[in-house]
């Protein structure tokens, strides 16, 4: 799970396993497998970075150097 920020500044936690895809339009839209769509302050690159960091911790993937 990763922490993200709604456009109104409210922080929330999302399960990365539910993320279907991420779009930049220019706000960052996250579509979930549940058909929910979230708009967040973080850039697409930041969301991906957090998802990768989460996967490395949970799945003990080797960190990129």
Protein backbone atom coordinates (compact mmCIF):
# COMPACT_ATOMS: atom_id res chain seq x y z
CA UNK A 1 0.00 0.00 0.00
CA UNK A 2 1.16 3.53 -0.72
CA UNK A 3 0.20 6.94 0.63
CA UNK A 4 -1.08 9.50 -1.89
CA UNK A 5 -2.67 12.96 -1.73
CA UNK A 6 -6.03 14.04 -3.13
CA UNK A 7 -6.20 17.44 -4.86
CA UNK A 8 -7.80 18.91 -1.69
CA UNK A 9 -4.71 17.91 0.33
CA UNK A 10 -6.28 14.89 2.05
CA UNK A 11 -3.88 11.96 2.32
CA UNK A 12 -5.09 8.40 1.79
CA UNK A 13 -3.71 4.91 1.29
CA UNK A 14 -4.25 2.87 -1.88
CA UNK A 15 -3.61 -0.83 -2.47
CA UNK A 16 -1.14 -0.93 -5.36
CA UNK A 17 -2.42 -4.35 -6.42
CA UNK A 18 -5.69 -2.65 -7.44
CA UNK A 19 -4.03 -0.13 -9.79
CA UNK A 20 -4.94 -0.88 -13.39
CA UNK A 21 -3.28 2.13 -15.02
CA UNK A 22 -2.04 5.68 -14.35
CA UNK A 23 -2.58 8.67 -16.65
CA UNK A 24 -1.31 12.22 -16.74
CA UNK A 25 -3.85 14.73 -18.15
CA UNK A 26 -2.28 17.06 -16.64
CA UNK A 27 -3.54 15.88 -13.22
CA UNK A 28 -2.62 12.32 -12.34
CA UNK A 29 -5.54 9.90 -12.74
CA UNK A 30 -5.33 6.41 -11.24
CA UNK A 31 -7.80 3.82 -12.49
CA UNK A 32 -8.39 0.81 -10.26
CA UNK A 33 -9.50 -2.68 -11.13
CA UNK A 34 -12.66 -1.89 -9.12
CA UNK A 35 -13.58 0.73 -11.80
CA UNK A 36 -12.89 3.55 -9.32
CA UNK A 37 -10.84 6.51 -10.55
CA UNK A 38 -8.69 8.66 -8.28
CA UNK A 39 -7.10 12.05 -8.98
CA UNK A 40 -3.94 12.76 -7.00
CA UNK A 41 -1.40 15.55 -6.57
CA UNK A 42 1.60 13.28 -7.15
CA UNK A 43 3.03 12.96 -10.66
CA UNK A 44 2.72 9.70 -12.59
CA UNK A 45 6.46 9.20 -12.11
CA UNK A 46 6.11 9.61 -8.32
CA UNK A 47 3.22 7.13 -8.14
CA UNK A 48 5.21 4.58 -10.14
CA UNK A 49 8.26 5.20 -7.93
CA UNK A 50 6.20 4.54 -4.79
CA UNK A 51 4.66 1.40 -6.30
CA UNK A 52 8.11 0.05 -7.16
CA UNK A 53 9.44 0.85 -3.68
CA UNK A 54 6.44 -0.94 -2.16
CA UNK A 55 7.01 -4.00 -4.37
CA UNK A 56 10.69 -4.09 -3.41
CA UNK A 57 9.83 -4.14 0.29
CA UNK A 58 6.91 -6.57 0.12
CA UNK A 59 8.24 -8.92 -2.51
CA UNK A 60 11.89 -8.45 -1.51
CA UNK A 61 12.95 -7.53 -5.03
CA UNK A 62 16.53 -6.35 -5.38
CA UNK A 63 16.83 -2.57 -5.40
CA UNK A 64 18.03 -0.91 -8.60
CA UNK A 65 21.40 0.72 -8.13
